[in-house]
Structure formats: C-alpha cells, structure tokens
C-alpha atoms as a PDB file:
ATOM      1  CA  MET A   1      87.111 146.613  88.268  1.00  0.00           C
ATOM      2  CA  GLY A   2      90.018 148.912  87.788  1.00  0.00           C
ATOM      3  CA  ASN A   3      91.220 151.858  89.969  1.00  0.00           C
ATOM      4  CA  ASP A   4      89.381 154.526  87.455  1.00  0.00           C
ATOM      5  CA  GLU A   5      85.950 152.891  87.429  1.00  0.00           C
ATOM      6  CA  PHE A   6      86.274 152.386  90.803  1.00  0.00           C
ATOM      7  CA  LEU A   7      87.575 156.211  91.780  1.00  0.00           C
ATOM      8  CA  LYS A   8      85.157 157.067  89.605  1.00  0.00           C
ATOM      9  CA  ILE A   9      82.285 155.596  91.121  1.00  0.00           C
ATOM     10  CA  ALA A  10      83.535 156.341  94.399  1.00  0.00           C
ATOM     11  CA  VAL A  11      83.831 160.726  94.256  1.00  0.00           C
ATOM     12  CA  GLU A  12      80.545 160.218  92.752  1.00  0.00           C
ATOM     13  CA  GLU A  13      79.359 158.728  96.053  1.00  0.00           C
ATOM     14  CA  VAL A  14      80.980 161.260  98.036  1.00  0.00           C
ATOM     15  CA  ARG A  15      79.638 163.966  96.008  1.00  0.00           C
ATOM     16  CA  ARG A  16      75.813 162.220  95.872  1.00  0.00           C
ATOM     17  CA  TYR A  17      76.346 162.099 100.030  1.00  0.00           C
ATOM     18  CA  THR A  18      77.811 165.368 100.259  1.00  0.00           C
ATOM     19  CA  LYS A  19      74.861 166.909  98.187  1.00  0.00           C
ATOM     20  CA  GLU A  20      72.306 165.766 100.245  1.00  0.00           C
ATOM     21  CA  HIS A  21      73.964 166.622 103.463  1.00  0.00           C
ATOM     22  CA  LEU A  22      74.443 170.709 102.452  1.00  0.00           C
ATOM     23  CA  GLU A  23      72.541 173.135 104.344  1.00  0.00           C
ATOM     24  CA  ASP A  24      73.558 175.833 101.338  1.00  0.00           C
ATOM     25  CA  PRO A  25      74.173 174.487  98.160  1.00  0.00           C
ATOM     26  CA  GLN A  26      77.587 175.101  97.287  1.00  0.00           C
ATOM     27  CA  ASP A  27      80.509 174.512  94.797  1.00  0.00           C
ATOM     28  CA  PHE A  28      82.901 171.852  95.958  1.00  0.00           C
ATOM     29  CA  ASP A  29      85.537 169.325  95.026  1.00  0.00           C
ATOM     30  CA  VAL A  30      86.223 166.033  95.910  1.00  0.00           C
ATOM     31  CA  TYR A  31      89.508 164.631  95.851  1.00  0.00           C
ATOM     32  CA  VAL A  32      91.437 161.537  96.981  1.00  0.00           C
ATOM     33  CA  VAL A  33      93.748 161.121  99.214  1.00  0.00           C
ATOM     34  CA  TRP A  34      94.816 157.634  98.750  1.00  0.00           C
ATOM     35  CA  VAL A  35      93.924 154.694  97.025  1.00  0.00           C
ATOM     36  CA  CYS A  36      95.095 150.879  96.908  1.00  0.00           C
ATOM     37  CA  LYS A  37      94.053 148.109  94.446  1.00  0.00           C
ATOM     38  CA  THR A  38      94.690 144.372  96.268  1.00  0.00           C
ATOM     39  CA  LEU A  39      93.847 141.385  94.509  1.00  0.00           C
ATOM     40  CA  GLN A  40      90.001 141.987  93.088  1.00  0.00           C
ATOM     41  CA  ASN A  41      89.319 144.251  96.229  1.00  0.00           C
ATOM     42  CA  ASN A  42      90.235 148.285  95.917  1.00  0.00           C
ATOM     43  CA  LYS A  43      89.887 151.011  98.908  1.00  0.00           C
ATOM     44  CA  ALA A  44      90.202 154.661  98.897  1.00  0.00           C
ATOM     45  CA  LEU A  45      89.814 157.589 100.939  1.00  0.00           C
ATOM     46  CA  LEU A  46      88.412 160.910  99.936  1.00  0.00           C
ATOM     47  CA  SER A  47      87.874 164.211 100.390  1.00  0.00           C
ATOM     48  CA  THR A  48      86.082 167.469  99.562  1.00  0.00           C
ATOM     49  CA  THR A  49      87.247 171.392  99.404  1.00  0.00           C
ATOM     50  CA  LEU A  50      84.361 172.408 101.909  1.00  0.00           C
ATOM     51  CA  LEU A  51      85.809 173.029 105.221  1.00  0.00           C
ATOM     52  CA  ASP A  52      83.462 170.603 106.974  1.00  0.00           C
ATOM     53  CA  GLY A  53      85.884 168.171 108.953  1.00  0.00           C
ATOM     54  CA  MET A  54      84.358 165.135 106.317  1.00  0.00           C
ATOM     55  CA  TYR A  55      86.381 162.288 105.081  1.00  0.00           C
ATOM     56  CA  PHE A  56      84.780 159.496 103.016  1.00  0.00           C
ATOM     57  CA  GLU A  57      86.560 155.778 102.738  1.00  0.00           C
ATOM     58  CA  CYS A  58      85.154 153.756  99.767  1.00  0.00           C
ATOM     59  CA  THR A  59      85.467 150.002  99.617  1.00  0.00           C
ATOM     60  CA  TYR A  60      84.753 148.118  96.618  1.00  0.00           C
ATOM     61  CA  ASN A  61      84.530 144.066  97.284  1.00  0.00           C
ATOM     62  CA  GLY A  62      85.264 142.656  94.252  1.00  0.00           C
ATOM     63  CA  ASP A  63      84.068 139.134  95.404  1.00  0.00           C
ATOM     64  CA  LYS A  64      80.823 140.140  96.254  1.00  0.00           C
ATOM     65  CA  LYS A  65      80.503 143.390  93.501  1.00  0.00           C
ATOM     66  CA  GLU A  66      79.269 145.475  96.613  1.00  0.00           C
ATOM     67  CA  LEU A  67      80.582 148.913  97.285  1.00  0.00           C
ATOM     68  CA  TYR A  68      80.574 150.313 100.986  1.00  0.00           C
ATOM     69  CA  PHE A  69      80.810 153.461 102.237  1.00  0.00           C
ATOM     70  CA  ASP A  70      81.942 155.369 105.229  1.00  0.00           C
ATOM     71  CA  ALA A  71      81.442 159.166 106.333  1.00  0.00           C
ATOM     72  CA  TYR A  72      83.223 160.157 108.968  1.00  0.00           C
ATOM     73  CA  HIS A  73      83.951 163.515 110.646  1.00  0.00           C
ATOM     74  CA  LYS A  74      87.174 165.149 111.758  1.00  0.00           C
ATOM     75  CA  LEU A  75      86.799 165.577 115.581  1.00  0.00           C
ATOM     76  CA  GLU A  76      90.630 166.394 116.228  1.00  0.00           C
ATOM     77  CA  ASN A  77      94.184 167.042 114.696  1.00  0.00           C
ATOM     78  CA  ARG A  78      97.166 167.199 116.775  1.00  0.00           C
ATOM     79  CA  CYS A  79     101.142 167.042 116.129  1.00  0.00           C
ATOM     80  CA  ILE A  80     103.240 165.161 118.416  1.00  0.00           C
ATOM     81  CA  LYS A  81     106.536 165.253 118.752  1.00  0.00           C
ATOM     82  CA  VAL A  82     108.470 161.534 118.626  1.00  0.00           C
ATOM     83  CA  GLU A  83     112.084 161.965 119.469  1.00  0.00           C
ATOM     84  CA  ASP A  84     114.851 159.370 117.955  1.00  0.00           C
END
C-alpha cells in the first residue's frame, strides 16, 4: 500500500474514532505528525485540532493486510534542558 492510500485510511479512522467519542459535535481537522514506510509496512502518528490531548498511531501490516489503530491521551509535556 502506498503512503497516500495509507494516510487516507488512517485519517478516516482517526476522524471516525474522534466523532464517536465527542460529547459535543464540533468541527476539527486531522493532521499527520509523522509517517514512515518500510518495505510493505506503513506507520503514522496523527492528531486533531481539538484541545483534548489525544494522539493516534496507525500501523499497516502489509504481510497480513491489517491496520492497527492505537489511541493515546497525552498526560504531560515537560521541557528538560540538556547540557552539552
């Protein structure tokens, strides 16, 4: 599966999942944070413009023709200074 086809399916799945879990209907966009294709497999990290702290991982297993969908909630974001 090519990246364009994979990303179309991944974005549709994130949109479907998000709409199913929204209490109040709202407009939102889905965007791709990162995408990679290795051999017959694809992986993408996605999020939405909603301020709910959710992000998503979609992985396509080309050998089994299966899409794995994971939904995560960001609990914390810290900045840690690293000295050289």
